[in-house]
Amino acid sequence: MSVTHKTEEAAPELDIEHIEELAGKTSEPDRRRVEDIVEKAKTRVGLDLDETADLLRLRDPELRQHVLASAREVKEAIYGRRIVLFAPLYASNECSNNCLYCAFRRDNTDLIRRTLTMEEIAQEVTVIEDMGHKRVLLVLGDVSRSGVDYAVDAVRTTYETKSGRGEIRRVNVNMAPQSVENFKRLKDVGIGTYQSFQETYEPKQYAHLHPSGSKADYGWRLGVFDRAFAAGIDDVGLGVLYGLSDYRFDTLALLAHAQYLDERYGVGPHTLSFPRIEPAQNAPAAKNIPYPVSDDEILMIVAILRLSCPYTGIIMSTREVPDMRRQLLGLGVSQMSAASRVYPGAYADGRAHVEEAEQFALGDTRPADAVIRDLTEGGYIPSFCTACYRLGRTGHAFMEKAKPGDIQSFCTPNGILTFQEYLMDYAGDETRAVGERVIAEALGDVIPSLRATVESRLERIKTGERDLYL
């Protein structure tokens, strides 16, 4: 049954007509205009929608390269070389919705449906911990049996499950929009970021792609973060599924939503995500993608997201193939999944690809250690840090550090410390050798007043201590 949007609190009123107007312009901005926009972006204050729209219309190869290079500069200034890693844990693929792009859609009668028991969730967590992960994104279906009661138990089980030195220190949640009261229950059990994607902000296309189920209510979904904030959850993750509608429109609408949250609550989104449609069983919009997005276009999208919303984490999923992931890392990505599996029970099952159970086809099926070694060979610091969440640096406190770029003073040291844990406990010999060199180099990026502290804690980790952070 469709839920009508009778809001108990505020909801965003995006100016769809204005966004359509900006997205529909075809004239390319001149060089001086582009250079002025990029110079502003380099000061890390973000861009307004008009400026973002101008960059989205760029066709000149030289100017596009200028935008990409500037995004690399801004990303490096704010996030340094660290890349936060996580694994998604699919607890259920049962769903009452009928989204035309998703294999979990209700009308896909060929899908093997499953909702994990708490014992099965613990098995999945054990495998994930044995890879070295400390963060999990819990992904739930949209049926009553996997609703808030189930989510609360699943979050608790994930935190309580330990394997050797392994533990999950942050459980983020991707689930259907909830009421304020249900969000309060999720906050009480200690979730990290609450993540929900509008998929596409274009109302007519949204209605076409979501013909039935609770997700068909555009307004209820659009107001989800207002209800989360009302419940005290101040870390939220936004995203769109690129390929559903014109990418210029959805990028502008996504940023308008982010700006709305920042203006109303003083807290912008903790993360933005940019997945592209991938093949999915019996999903017509995944077979015939309405608005395909090319590799060159997704590179520009990520660069423009970084320039427009510099303080926000940008998440890259395992939909992208390894080479594209390498290219995207330098442009703005600050978080990525590693060794993802996208159906319930997949980690214990040990198979990367099971069409009759998975949500979509993966682009990167490498083991976690291979992904991590690839990162280190590229000069990045794989980070498993969860310190900000556990020290209360969320919401306003996080943004006060993130917006001016000061968060790196904590993130680089904590990334180094958690990576040292990984090298000691989980890394293969080759990864450990490369990783030790990267840590030695990265110590030069630590502010001088903290360097001795970080070096001391590295030695303590080497002698057996764990979970040390600033």
Foldseek 3Di string as FASTA:
>chain_A
DADAPPDPDDFDDDPLVVLCVLQPDQDADDPVLLVVLLVVLLQLPFDALNSLSNLLNDDPPVSLVVLQVSLLNLQCLQANQEAEEEAEAEQWLAADWAFLQWQSGPPNPLADTDGDDLVLLLVLLQLRQLLPFQEYEYEYYHDPVCDLVVVLSSLLSQQPRADDPGGHPAYEYEDDQDALVSLLSVVVSPHAEYEYELQAPPLVLLCVRTVDDNNNHSRSRSRRVVSNVVSVHQAYEYEHAPLSDPPSSRLSVRLVSQVVCCVPQVFGHQEYEYHYRAAAPSRVCSVVRNGDADLSSVSSSQSSCCSRNVLHAYEYEQQAAPVSVVSNSSSGHRYYYFQYAAFHSCSVVVDRDDRSGGTHHGRYRDRRQVVLLVSLVVLHQHANDPVCSVVVCGRNNVCVCRSSSNCNLFRLLRSLQSSLLCLVNRHDPSSNVSSVVSSVVSLVVHPPVCSVVSVVSSVVVVVPDDDDGD
